[in-house]
Amino acid sequence: MKIGITCGGIGVYASGAFVQASARAAERAGFAHYWLPDHVVQFAEYPESVYPYAAGSGQELPTQSDEAPLQFGDDSYANTDPANPLADPVIGMAWAAAATSGIELGTNILVLPQRNPVVLAKALATLDSFCGGRVVLGVGVGWAKEEFEACGVDFATRGKRTDAAIGALRVLWTQKTSTHTGAFGSFTGAYSYPKPARAAGIPILIGGESKAAMRRVARLGDGWLPYNLPVENAGTVIAELKAMTQDAGRDPLRLRIIKIVYANAGLDDLKRYRDAGVTEFNVASSGELPLDVPGIESQFSAWAEYLVAPVAALELAQ
């Protein structure tokens, strides 16, 4: 099995130097993918919104320093300081791509309905063509109404906008001359080049644990990025997702199911997730990384020993 890392792009970790140093260290340590989060703008308060991840990832919370930019135990919003820098994930992926050669680069997750899909398709296709087919697009519908209003996008139609955007991205990446008709934008005979390095386009994985999110994975996604998925529920939920995918006329065995876990995840729980149908993992760093290069490399060396190697061996146990 493969394991990735989410550690850059936020707070003190939102610098080009850290993104490149940590991406290089992650690749050397054997991590398979490097992920960056997304919010276009943030607010001190969200009176019109409900933070959907207050329940955590479904595992024991890690011990965290008060200085960690994301506080996983916070029930209002994990990024407790709205002035914490939050780097644009596409720019961050490009910065990481320039420092690495093989690791996949992903967004976890990008709030898709806030973006113009035609513009986003060009940016991601360019990056994918430059880095040899290493981009993974993780998307979600978003949860903060205040952020949508700041972007000038209707919050109530975010699900429909996400579906339409996925359709637009697919045709722009795969058709020589692209045509798309939708309620939120249409184009005919559009030439969008360069194309991604892979003929099928960039993989699109979908986040969220709601029934609507799971139906979207089943109909449109190349995979699922669950966060709040307790291990005791994982088998039932993933079986339901696979049944939905089968009902949609698609092969559920082709789905990448990448579970977000904390660095304190125990091997027994990882095995249980594997047995439930999880195909890969993504470690959400808890703010334990230092900023100096020797310290970054030391932490990744430790993770290589107690996370990467055991997870890689899980596949042999199947």
C-alpha atoms as a PDB file:
ATOM      1  CA  MET A   1       0.000   0.000   0.000  1.00  0.00           C
ATOM      2  CA  LYS A   2       0.965   3.620  -0.536  1.00  0.00           C
ATOM      3  CA  ILE A   3       0.999   6.488   1.925  1.00  0.00           C
ATOM      4  CA  GLY A   4       1.148  10.229   1.337  1.00  0.00           C
ATOM      5  CA  ILE A   5       1.623  13.342   3.448  1.00  0.00           C
ATOM      6  CA  THR A   6      -0.175  16.639   4.030  1.00  0.00           C
ATOM      7  CA  CYS A   7       2.219  18.973   5.806  1.00  0.00           C
ATOM      8  CA  GLY A   8       2.774  22.179   3.833  1.00  0.00           C
ATOM      9  CA  GLY A   9       0.950  25.243   2.644  1.00  0.00           C
ATOM     10  CA  ILE A  10      -0.441  26.559   5.932  1.00  0.00           C
ATOM     11  CA  GLY A  11       0.830  28.790   8.725  1.00  0.00           C
ATOM     12  CA  VAL A  12       4.588  28.693   9.179  1.00  0.00           C
ATOM     13  CA  TYR A  13       4.628  25.851   6.639  1.00  0.00           C
ATOM     14  CA  ALA A  14       3.267  28.078   3.839  1.00  0.00           C
ATOM     15  CA  SER A  15       6.652  29.080   2.467  1.00  0.00           C
ATOM     16  CA  GLY A  16       8.266  28.040  -0.784  1.00  0.00           C
ATOM     17  CA  ALA A  17      11.362  26.903   1.099  1.00  0.00           C
ATOM     18  CA  PHE A  18       9.372  24.582   3.372  1.00  0.00           C
ATOM     19  CA  VAL A  19       7.215  23.160   0.570  1.00  0.00           C
ATOM     20  CA  GLN A  20      10.252  22.269  -1.512  1.00  0.00           C
ATOM     21  CA  ALA A  21      12.305  20.917   1.400  1.00  0.00           C
ATOM     22  CA  SER A  22       9.431  18.810   2.753  1.00  0.00           C
ATOM     23  CA  ALA A  23       8.439  17.519  -0.689  1.00  0.00           C
ATOM     24  CA  ARG A  24      12.021  16.424  -1.362  1.00  0.00           C
ATOM     25  CA  ALA A  25      12.219  14.787   2.070  1.00  0.00           C
ATOM     26  CA  ALA A  26       8.858  13.066   1.552  1.00  0.00           C
ATOM     27  CA  GLU A  27       9.975  11.644  -1.779  1.00  0.00           C
ATOM     28  CA  ARG A  28      13.242  10.370  -0.326  1.00  0.00           C
ATOM     29  CA  ALA A  29      11.370   8.805   2.598  1.00  0.00           C
ATOM     30  CA  GLY A  30       9.140   6.830   0.233  1.00  0.00           C
ATOM     31  CA  PHE A  31       5.895   8.773   0.531  1.00  0.00           C
ATOM     32  CA  ALA A  32       3.835   8.311  -2.634  1.00  0.00           C
ATOM     33  CA  HIS A  33       1.979  11.625  -2.688  1.00  0.00           C
ATOM     34  CA  TYR A  34       2.274  15.164  -1.307  1.00  0.00           C
ATOM     35  CA  TRP A  35      -0.947  17.108  -0.635  1.00  0.00           C
ATOM     36  CA  LEU A  36      -1.859  20.747  -0.072  1.00  0.00           C
ATOM     37  CA  PRO A  37      -5.051  22.200   1.483  1.00  0.00           C
ATOM     38  CA  ASP A  38      -7.206  25.027   0.179  1.00  0.00           C
ATOM     39  CA  HIS A  39      -9.257  28.028   1.233  1.00  0.00           C
ATOM     40  CA  VAL A  40      -9.271  31.184  -0.861  1.00  0.00           C
ATOM     41  CA  VAL A  41     -10.094  33.431   2.102  1.00  0.00           C
ATOM     42  CA  GLN A  42     -10.702  32.846   5.793  1.00  0.00           C
ATOM     43  CA  PHE A  43     -12.691  34.607   8.509  1.00  0.00           C
ATOM     44  CA  ALA A  44     -12.447  35.004  12.257  1.00  0.00           C
ATOM     45  CA  GLU A  45     -16.027  33.768  12.598  1.00  0.00           C
ATOM     46  CA  TYR A  46     -18.431  31.738  10.464  1.00  0.00           C
ATOM     47  CA  PRO A  47     -21.894  32.650  11.739  1.00  0.00           C
ATOM     48  CA  GLU A  48     -23.678  31.246   8.674  1.00  0.00           C
ATOM     49  CA  SER A  49     -21.707  27.998   8.401  1.00  0.00           C
ATOM     50  CA  VAL A  50     -21.115  24.750  10.256  1.00  0.00           C
ATOM     51  CA  TYR A  51     -17.612  23.289  10.272  1.00  0.00           C
ATOM     52  CA  PRO A  52     -18.155  19.666   9.131  1.00  0.00           C
ATOM     53  CA  TYR A  53     -14.946  18.132  10.490  1.00  0.00           C
ATOM     54  CA  ALA A  54     -15.296  18.918  14.176  1.00  0.00           C
ATOM     55  CA  ALA A  55     -15.630  15.190  14.899  1.00  0.00           C
ATOM     56  CA  GLY A  56     -12.085  14.563  13.666  1.00  0.00           C
ATOM     57  CA  SER A  57     -10.786  11.813  11.419  1.00  0.00           C
ATOM     58  CA  GLY A  58     -12.348   8.912  13.272  1.00  0.00           C
ATOM     59  CA  GLN A  59      -9.186   8.108  15.247  1.00  0.00           C
ATOM     60  CA  GLU A  60      -7.552   9.238  18.485  1.00  0.00           C
ATOM     61  CA  LEU A  61      -6.414  12.843  18.273  1.00  0.00           C
ATOM     62  CA  PRO A  62      -2.653  13.362  18.229  1.00  0.00           C
ATOM     63  CA  THR A  63      -0.790  15.368  20.822  1.00  0.00           C
ATOM     64  CA  GLN A  64      -0.254  18.835  19.390  1.00  0.00           C
ATOM     65  CA  SER A  65       1.709  21.928  20.299  1.00  0.00           C
ATOM     66  CA  ASP A  66      -0.335  25.076  20.854  1.00  0.00           C
ATOM     67  CA  GLU A  67       1.725  26.550  18.006  1.00  0.00           C
ATOM     68  CA  ALA A  68       0.497  24.035  15.418  1.00  0.00           C
ATOM     69  CA  PRO A  69      -1.364  25.973  12.684  1.00  0.00           C
ATOM     70  CA  LEU A  70      -4.130  23.358  12.528  1.00  0.00           C
ATOM     71  CA  GLN A  71      -5.699  22.261  15.806  1.00  0.00           C
ATOM     72  CA  PHE A  72      -7.504  19.004  15.063  1.00  0.00           C
ATOM     73  CA  GLY A  73      -9.446  19.130  18.324  1.00  0.00           C
ATOM     74  CA  ASP A  74     -11.039  22.500  17.601  1.00  0.00           C
ATOM     75  CA  ASP A  75     -14.779  22.168  16.961  1.00  0.00           C
ATOM     76  CA  SER A  76     -15.247  25.505  15.175  1.00  0.00           C
ATOM     77  CA  TYR A  77     -12.511  25.451  12.520  1.00  0.00           C
ATOM     78  CA  ALA A  78      -9.153  23.709  12.715  1.00  0.00           C
ATOM     79  CA  ASN A  79      -7.232  26.735  11.430  1.00  0.00           C
ATOM     80  CA  THR A  80      -7.715  28.758  14.586  1.00  0.00           C
ATOM     81  CA  ASP A  81      -5.978  31.929  13.329  1.00  0.00           C
ATOM     82  CA  PRO A  82      -7.547  33.374  10.150  1.00  0.00           C
ATOM     83  CA  ALA A  83      -4.322  35.311   9.550  1.00  0.00           C
ATOM     84  CA  ASN A  84      -2.391  32.061   9.133  1.00  0.00           C
ATOM     85  CA  PRO A  85      -1.129  32.021   5.546  1.00  0.00           C
ATOM     86  CA  LEU A  86      -2.853  29.416   3.382  1.00  0.00           C
ATOM     87  CA  ALA A  87      -0.970  29.041   0.108  1.00  0.00           C
ATOM     88  CA  ASP A  88      -2.756  28.569  -3.193  1.00  0.00           C
ATOM     89  CA  PRO A  89      -2.524  24.798  -3.712  1.00  0.00           C
ATOM     90  CA  VAL A  90      -1.917  24.884  -7.468  1.00  0.00           C
ATOM     91  CA  ILE A  91       1.031  27.243  -7.002  1.00  0.00           C
ATOM     92  CA  GLY A  92       2.201  25.063  -4.118  1.00  0.00           C
ATOM     93  CA  MET A  93       2.042  21.912  -6.247  1.00  0.00           C
ATOM     94  CA  ALA A  94       4.082  23.608  -8.957  1.00  0.00           C
ATOM     95  CA  TRP A  95       6.685  24.613  -6.379  1.00  0.00           C
ATOM     96  CA  ALA A  96       6.840  21.038  -5.051  1.00  0.00           C
ATOM     97  CA  ALA A  97       6.943  19.565  -8.559  1.00  0.00           C
ATOM     98  CA  ALA A  98      10.020  21.619  -9.398  1.00  0.00           C
ATOM     99  CA  ALA A  99      11.853  20.111  -6.422  1.00  0.00           C
ATOM    100  CA  THR A 100      10.916  16.444  -7.013  1.00  0.00           C
ATOM    101  CA  SER A 101      10.841  13.846  -9.764  1.00  0.00           C
ATOM    102  CA  GLY A 102       8.415  11.044  -8.932  1.00  0.00           C
ATOM    103  CA  ILE A 103       6.065  11.839  -6.044  1.00  0.00           C
ATOM    104  CA  GLU A 104       2.422  12.596  -6.883  1.00  0.00           C
ATOM    105  CA  LEU A 105       1.180  16.102  -6.086  1.00  0.00           C
ATOM    106  CA  GLY A 106      -2.382  16.647  -4.947  1.00  0.00           C
ATOM    107  CA  THR A 107      -4.951  19.028  -3.494  1.00  0.00           C
ATOM    108  CA  ASN A 108      -6.741  17.856  -0.364  1.00  0.00           C
ATOM    109  CA  ILE A 109      -9.050  19.378  -1.018  1.00  0.00           C
ATOM    110  CA  LEU A 110      -9.594  22.186  -3.534  1.00  0.00           C
ATOM    111  CA  VAL A 111     -12.988  23.909  -3.252  1.00  0.00           C
ATOM    112  CA  LEU A 112     -13.940  23.317  -6.869  1.00  0.00           C
ATOM    113  CA  PRO A 113     -17.179  25.326  -7.259  1.00  0.00           C
ATOM    114  CA  GLN A 114     -15.285  28.511  -6.382  1.00  0.00           C
ATOM    115  CA  ARG A 115     -13.063  28.104  -9.460  1.00  0.00           C
ATOM    116  CA  ASN A 116     -13.598  28.809 -13.127  1.00  0.00           C
ATOM    117  CA  PRO A 117     -13.127  25.280 -14.541  1.00  0.00           C
ATOM    118  CA  VAL A 118     -11.779  26.507 -17.888  1.00  0.00           C
ATOM    119  CA  VAL A 119      -9.019  28.482 -16.205  1.00  0.00           C
ATOM    120  CA  LEU A 120      -8.324  25.695 -13.689  1.00  0.00           C
ATOM    121  CA  ALA A 121      -8.152  23.073 -16.462  1.00  0.00           C
ATOM    122  CA  LYS A 122      -5.408  25.034 -18.223  1.00  0.00           C
ATOM    123  CA  ALA A 123      -3.351  25.562 -15.057  1.00  0.00           C
ATOM    124  CA  LEU A 124      -3.518  21.918 -13.967  1.00  0.00           C
ATOM    125  CA  ALA A 125      -2.927  20.517 -17.461  1.00  0.00           C
ATOM    126  CA  THR A 126       0.135  22.730 -17.825  1.00  0.00           C
ATOM    127  CA  LEU A 127       1.495  21.574 -14.481  1.00  0.00           C
ATOM    128  CA  ASP A 128       0.760  17.915 -15.260  1.00  0.00           C
ATOM    129  CA  SER A 129       2.497  18.150 -18.632  1.00  0.00           C
ATOM    130  CA  PHE A 130       5.500  19.863 -17.050  1.00  0.00           C
ATOM    131  CA  CYS A 131       5.944  17.318 -14.236  1.00  0.00           C
ATOM    132  CA  GLY A 132       5.322  14.145 -16.226  1.00  0.00           C
ATOM    133  CA  GLY A 133       1.819  13.211 -15.122  1.00  0.00           C
ATOM    134  CA  ARG A 134       2.046  13.533 -11.343  1.00  0.00           C
ATOM    135  CA  VAL A 135      -0.936  15.768 -10.526  1.00  0.00           C
ATOM    136  CA  VAL A 136      -3.957  14.494  -8.575  1.00  0.00           C
ATOM    137  CA  LEU A 137      -6.950  16.789  -8.141  1.00  0.00           C
ATOM    138  CA  GLY A 138      -8.784  16.313  -4.862  1.00  0.00           C
ATOM    139  CA  VAL A 139     -11.986  18.349  -4.801  1.00  0.00           C
ATOM    140  CA  GLY A 140     -14.894  19.136  -2.535  1.00  0.00           C
ATOM    141  CA  VAL A 141     -17.978  21.325  -2.555  1.00  0.00           C
ATOM    142  CA  GLY A 142     -16.876  23.478   0.385  1.00  0.00           C
ATOM    143  CA  TRP A 143     -18.648  24.316   3.626  1.00  0.00           C
ATOM    144  CA  ALA A 144     -18.126  28.034   4.340  1.00  0.00           C
ATOM    145  CA  LYS A 145     -20.932  30.210   2.985  1.00  0.00           C
ATOM    146  CA  GLU A 146     -18.936  33.312   3.895  1.00  0.00           C
ATOM    147  CA  GLU A 147     -16.098  32.208   1.612  1.00  0.00           C
ATOM    148  CA  PHE A 148     -18.468  31.615  -1.305  1.00  0.00           C
ATOM    149  CA  GLU A 149     -19.975  35.062  -0.860  1.00  0.00           C
ATOM    150  CA  ALA A 150     -16.495  36.601  -0.919  1.00  0.00           C
ATOM    151  CA  CYS A 151     -15.803  34.741  -4.170  1.00  0.00           C
ATOM    152  CA  GLY A 152     -19.100  35.852  -5.683  1.00  0.00           C
ATOM    153  CA  VAL A 153     -20.379  32.280  -6.046  1.00  0.00           C
ATOM    154  CA  ASP A 154     -23.810  31.018  -5.010  1.00  0.00           C
ATOM    155  CA  PHE A 155     -23.411  28.717  -2.018  1.00  0.00           C
ATOM    156  CA  ALA A 156     -26.733  26.927  -2.572  1.00  0.00           C
ATOM    157  CA  THR A 157     -25.710  25.603  -5.998  1.00  0.00           C
ATOM    158  CA  ARG A 158     -22.224  24.424  -5.036  1.00  0.00           C
ATOM    159  CA  GLY A 159     -23.028  20.738  -5.564  1.00  0.00           C
ATOM    160  CA  LYS A 160     -24.400  21.275  -9.054  1.00  0.00           C
ATOM    161  CA  ARG A 161     -21.494  23.586  -9.861  1.00  0.00           C
ATOM    162  CA  THR A 162     -19.042  20.904  -8.753  1.00  0.00           C
ATOM    163  CA  ASP A 163     -20.648  18.295 -11.020  1.00  0.00           C
ATOM    164  CA  ALA A 164     -20.610  20.709 -13.949  1.00  0.00           C
ATOM    165  CA  ALA A 165     -17.001  21.699 -13.311  1.00  0.00           C
ATOM    166  CA  ILE A 166     -15.870  18.068 -13.262  1.00  0.00           C
ATOM    167  CA  GLY A 167     -17.560  17.567 -16.627  1.00  0.00           C
ATOM    168  CA  ALA A 168     -15.898  20.659 -18.066  1.00  0.00           C
ATOM    169  CA  LEU A 169     -12.462  19.633 -16.784  1.00  0.00           C
ATOM    170  CA  ARG A 170     -12.794  16.155 -18.291  1.00  0.00           C
ATOM    171  CA  VAL A 171     -13.628  17.363 -21.794  1.00  0.00           C
ATOM    172  CA  LEU A 172     -10.970  20.082 -21.761  1.00  0.00           C
ATOM    173  CA  TRP A 173      -8.355  17.513 -20.802  1.00  0.00           C
ATOM    174  CA  THR A 174      -9.385  14.698 -23.152  1.00  0.00           C
ATOM    175  CA  GLN A 175     -11.016  16.146 -26.261  1.00  0.00           C
ATOM    176  CA  LYS A 176      -8.929  17.556 -29.096  1.00  0.00           C
ATOM    177  CA  THR A 177     -11.620  20.177 -29.616  1.00  0.00           C
ATOM    178  CA  SER A 178     -13.679  20.567 -26.477  1.00  0.00           C
ATOM    179  CA  THR A 179     -17.410  21.154 -26.169  1.00  0.00           C
ATOM    180  CA  HIS A 180     -19.405  21.400 -22.951  1.00  0.00           C
ATOM    181  CA  THR A 181     -22.934  22.536 -22.218  1.00  0.00           C
ATOM    182  CA  GLY A 182     -23.978  23.305 -18.673  1.00  0.00           C
ATOM    183  CA  ALA A 183     -26.080  25.567 -16.501  1.00  0.00           C
ATOM    184  CA  PHE A 184     -23.023  27.441 -15.235  1.00  0.00           C
ATOM    185  CA  GLY A 185     -21.050  27.787 -18.457  1.00  0.00           C
ATOM    186  CA  SER A 186     -20.791  26.368 -21.947  1.00  0.00           C
ATOM    187  CA  PHE A 187     -18.239  26.335 -24.741  1.00  0.00           C
ATOM    188  CA  THR A 188     -18.078  24.895 -28.240  1.00  0.00           C
ATOM    189  CA  GLY A 189     -15.000  24.115 -30.287  1.00  0.00           C
ATOM    190  CA  ALA A 190     -12.572  25.184 -27.549  1.00  0.00           C
ATOM    191  CA  TYR A 191      -8.882  24.340 -27.947  1.00  0.00           C
ATOM    192  CA  SER A 192      -7.272  23.941 -24.541  1.00  0.00           C
ATOM    193  CA  TYR A 193      -3.594  23.028 -24.762  1.00  0.00           C
ATOM    194  CA  PRO A 194      -1.303  21.683 -23.437  1.00  0.00           C
ATOM    195  CA  LYS A 195      -3.167  18.541 -22.460  1.00  0.00           C
ATOM    196  CA  PRO A 196      -2.241  16.610 -19.307  1.00  0.00           C
ATOM    197  CA  ALA A 197       0.540  14.065 -19.669  1.00  0.00           C
ATOM    198  CA  ARG A 198      -1.937  11.187 -19.329  1.00  0.00           C
ATOM    199  CA  ALA A 199      -4.459  10.571 -22.103  1.00  0.00           C
ATOM    200  CA  ALA A 200      -7.275  10.010 -19.595  1.00  0.00           C
ATOM    201  CA  GLY A 201      -6.555  13.347 -17.963  1.00  0.00           C
ATOM    202  CA  ILE A 202      -5.788  14.178 -14.349  1.00  0.00           C
ATOM    203  CA  PRO A 203      -7.366  11.879 -11.738  1.00  0.00           C
ATOM    204  CA  ILE A 204     -10.170  13.576  -9.813  1.00  0.00           C
ATOM    205  CA  LEU A 205     -10.730  12.360  -6.259  1.00  0.00           C
ATOM    206  CA  ILE A 206     -13.655  13.657  -4.232  1.00  0.00           C
ATOM    207  CA  GLY A 207     -13.739  14.524  -0.557  1.00  0.00           C
ATOM    208  CA  GLY A 208     -16.605  14.505   1.911  1.00  0.00           C
ATOM    209  CA  GLU A 209     -18.534  11.820   3.756  1.00  0.00           C
ATOM    210  CA  SER A 210     -22.126  12.863   3.071  1.00  0.00           C
ATOM    211  CA  LYS A 211     -24.402  10.707   0.920  1.00  0.00           C
ATOM    212  CA  ALA A 212     -24.243  13.397  -1.755  1.00  0.00           C
ATOM    213  CA  ALA A 213     -20.444  13.284  -1.748  1.00  0.00           C
ATOM    214  CA  MET A 214     -20.447   9.487  -1.991  1.00  0.00           C
ATOM    215  CA  ARG A 215     -22.912   9.574  -4.884  1.00  0.00           C
ATOM    216  CA  ARG A 216     -20.620  12.082  -6.607  1.00  0.00           C
ATOM    217  CA  VAL A 217     -17.668   9.718  -6.177  1.00  0.00           C
ATOM    218  CA  ALA A 218     -19.732   6.861  -7.576  1.00  0.00           C
ATOM    219  CA  ARG A 219     -20.840   8.808 -10.642  1.00  0.00           C
ATOM    220  CA  LEU A 220     -17.887  11.043 -11.410  1.00  0.00           C
ATOM    221  CA  GLY A 221     -14.807  10.347  -9.308  1.00  0.00           C
ATOM    222  CA  ASP A 222     -11.609   8.418  -9.771  1.00  0.00           C
ATOM    223  CA  GLY A 223     -11.505   7.974  -6.029  1.00  0.00           C
ATOM    224  CA  TRP A 224     -12.553   9.128  -2.573  1.00  0.00           C
ATOM    225  CA  LEU A 225     -10.755  11.181   0.081  1.00  0.00           C
ATOM    226  CA  PRO A 226     -12.603  10.456   3.344  1.00  0.00           C
ATOM    227  CA  TYR A 227     -11.631  12.224   6.555  1.00  0.00           C
ATOM    228  CA  ASN A 228     -14.252  11.495   9.201  1.00  0.00           C
ATOM    229  CA  LEU A 229     -14.456   7.723   8.747  1.00  0.00           C
ATOM    230  CA  PRO A 230     -14.063   5.735  11.976  1.00  0.00           C
ATOM    231  CA  VAL A 231     -12.425   2.390  11.425  1.00  0.00           C
ATOM    232  CA  GLU A 232     -15.374   0.495  12.923  1.00  0.00           C
ATOM    233  CA  ASN A 233     -17.661   1.997  10.249  1.00  0.00           C
ATOM    234  CA  ALA A 234     -15.274   1.865   7.315  1.00  0.00           C
ATOM    235  CA  GLY A 235     -16.244  -1.559   5.971  1.00  0.00           C
ATOM    236  CA  THR A 236     -19.955  -0.769   5.820  1.00  0.00           C
ATOM    237  CA  VAL A 237     -19.468   2.706   4.331  1.00  0.00           C
ATOM    238  CA  ILE A 238     -16.988   1.576   1.689  1.00  0.00           C
ATOM    239  CA  ALA A 239     -19.213  -1.350   0.728  1.00  0.00           C
ATOM    240  CA  GLU A 240     -22.042   1.144   0.236  1.00  0.00           C
ATOM    241  CA  LEU A 241     -19.806   3.346  -1.918  1.00  0.00           C
ATOM    242  CA  LYS A 242     -18.803   0.391  -4.061  1.00  0.00           C
ATOM    243  CA  ALA A 243     -22.438  -0.603  -4.507  1.00  0.00           C
ATOM    244  CA  MET A 244     -23.269   2.955  -5.579  1.00  0.00           C
ATOM    245  CA  THR A 245     -20.402   2.857  -8.065  1.00  0.00           C
ATOM    246  CA  GLN A 246     -21.581  -0.476  -9.457  1.00  0.00           C
ATOM    247  CA  ASP A 247     -25.108   0.908  -9.791  1.00  0.00           C
ATOM    248  CA  ALA A 248     -23.679   3.867 -11.716  1.00  0.00           C
ATOM    249  CA  GLY A 249     -22.240   1.431 -14.270  1.00  0.00           C
ATOM    250  CA  ARG A 250     -18.655   1.893 -13.170  1.00  0.00           C
ATOM    251  CA  ASP A 251     -16.020  -0.483 -11.778  1.00  0.00           C
ATOM    252  CA  PRO A 252     -15.676   0.042  -8.004  1.00  0.00           C
ATOM    253  CA  LEU A 253     -12.337  -1.775  -7.985  1.00  0.00           C
ATOM    254  CA  ARG A 254     -10.827   1.111  -9.937  1.00  0.00           C
ATOM    255  CA  LEU A 255     -11.527   3.618  -7.155  1.00  0.00           C
ATOM    256  CA  ARG A 256      -8.614   4.988  -5.161  1.00  0.00           C
ATOM    257  CA  ILE A 257      -9.811   5.287  -1.559  1.00  0.00           C
ATOM    258  CA  ILE A 258      -7.255   7.371   0.319  1.00  0.00           C
ATOM    259  CA  LYS A 259      -8.001   7.699   4.041  1.00  0.00           C
ATOM    260  CA  ILE A 260      -6.631  10.680   5.928  1.00  0.00           C
ATOM    261  CA  VAL A 261      -4.959   9.593   9.173  1.00  0.00           C
ATOM    262  CA  TYR A 262      -2.817  11.223  11.831  1.00  0.00           C
ATOM    263  CA  ALA A 263       0.828  10.325  12.339  1.00  0.00           C
ATOM    264  CA  ASN A 264      -0.085   8.491  15.560  1.00  0.00           C
ATOM    265  CA  ALA A 265      -2.138   5.923  13.639  1.00  0.00           C
ATOM    266  CA  GLY A 266      -1.520   2.391  14.875  1.00  0.00           C
ATOM    267  CA  LEU A 267      -0.696  -0.435  12.505  1.00  0.00           C
ATOM    268  CA  ASP A 268      -3.672  -2.481  13.699  1.00  0.00           C
ATOM    269  CA  ASP A 269      -6.076   0.279  12.689  1.00  0.00           C
ATOM    270  CA  LEU A 270      -4.321   0.715   9.340  1.00  0.00           C
ATOM    271  CA  LYS A 271      -4.754  -3.009   8.710  1.00  0.00           C
ATOM    272  CA  ARG A 272      -8.444  -2.737   9.595  1.00  0.00           C
ATOM    273  CA  TYR A 273      -8.842   0.156   7.156  1.00  0.00           C
ATOM    274  CA  ARG A 274      -7.031  -1.903   4.512  1.00  0.00           C
ATOM    275  CA  ASP A 275      -9.355  -4.834   5.117  1.00  0.00           C
ATOM    276  CA  ALA A 276     -12.362  -2.492   4.884  1.00  0.00           C
ATOM    277  CA  GLY A 277     -11.345  -1.380   1.395  1.00  0.00           C
ATOM    278  CA  VAL A 278      -9.054   1.603   1.883  1.00  0.00           C
ATOM    279  CA  THR A 279      -6.399   1.486  -0.851  1.00  0.00           C
ATOM    280  CA  GLU A 280      -3.977   4.193   0.355  1.00  0.00           C
ATOM    281  CA  PHE A 281      -3.375   6.570   3.263  1.00  0.00           C
ATOM    282  CA  ASN A 282      -2.603  10.259   3.636  1.00  0.00           C
ATOM    283  CA  VAL A 283      -0.970  11.453   6.856  1.00  0.00           C
ATOM    284  CA  ALA A 284      -2.197  14.827   8.119  1.00  0.00           C
ATOM    285  CA  SER A 285       0.822  16.297   9.887  1.00  0.00           C
ATOM    286  CA  SER A 286       0.039  17.567  13.366  1.00  0.00           C
ATOM    287  CA  GLY A 287       2.479  20.483  13.320  1.00  0.00           C
ATOM    288  CA  GLU A 288       5.398  18.399  14.556  1.00  0.00           C
ATOM    289  CA  LEU A 289       7.748  19.313  11.710  1.00  0.00           C
ATOM    290  CA  PRO A 290      10.546  21.818  12.360  1.00  0.00           C
ATOM    291  CA  LEU A 291      11.403  24.437   9.749  1.00  0.00           C
ATOM    292  CA  ASP A 292      15.123  23.769   9.280  1.00  0.00           C
ATOM    293  CA  VAL A 293      16.156  21.318   6.563  1.00  0.00           C
ATOM    294  CA  PRO A 294      18.071  18.907   8.866  1.00  0.00           C
ATOM    295  CA  GLY A 295      15.077  18.784  11.211  1.00  0.00           C
ATOM    296  CA  ILE A 296      12.652  18.188   8.324  1.00  0.00           C
ATOM    297  CA  GLU A 297      14.789  15.363   6.990  1.00  0.00           C
ATOM    298  CA  SER A 298      15.132  13.817  10.448  1.00  0.00           C
ATOM    299  CA  GLN A 299      11.359  13.729  10.971  1.00  0.00           C
ATOM    300  CA  PHE A 300      10.744  12.228   7.552  1.00  0.00           C
ATOM    301  CA  SER A 301      13.397   9.593   8.205  1.00  0.00           C
ATOM    302  CA  ALA A 302      11.512   8.629  11.364  1.00  0.00           C
ATOM    303  CA  TRP A 303       8.223   8.489   9.449  1.00  0.00           C
ATOM    304  CA  ALA A 304       9.874   6.326   6.799  1.00  0.00           C
ATOM    305  CA  GLU A 305      10.666   3.786   9.493  1.00  0.00           C
ATOM    306  CA  TYR A 306       7.414   3.687  11.466  1.00  0.00           C
ATOM    307  CA  LEU A 307       4.852   4.710   8.811  1.00  0.00           C
ATOM    308  CA  VAL A 308       6.030   4.246   5.238  1.00  0.00           C
ATOM    309  CA  ALA A 309       7.714   0.861   5.616  1.00  0.00           C
ATOM    310  CA  PRO A 310       4.891  -0.787   7.638  1.00  0.00           C
ATOM    311  CA  VAL A 311       2.234   0.517   5.236  1.00  0.00           C
ATOM    312  CA  ALA A 312       4.222  -0.695   2.233  1.00  0.00           C
ATOM    313  CA  ALA A 313       4.318  -4.158   3.821  1.00  0.00           C
ATOM    314  CA  LEU A 314       0.541  -4.258   4.254  1.00  0.00           C
ATOM    315  CA  GLU A 315       0.046  -5.046   0.604  1.00  0.00           C
ATOM    316  CA  LEU A 316       2.156  -8.182   1.040  1.00  0.00           C
ATOM    317  CA  ALA A 317      -0.167  -9.317   3.837  1.00  0.00           C
ATOM    318  CA  GLN A 318      -3.243  -9.389   1.575  1.00  0.00           C
END
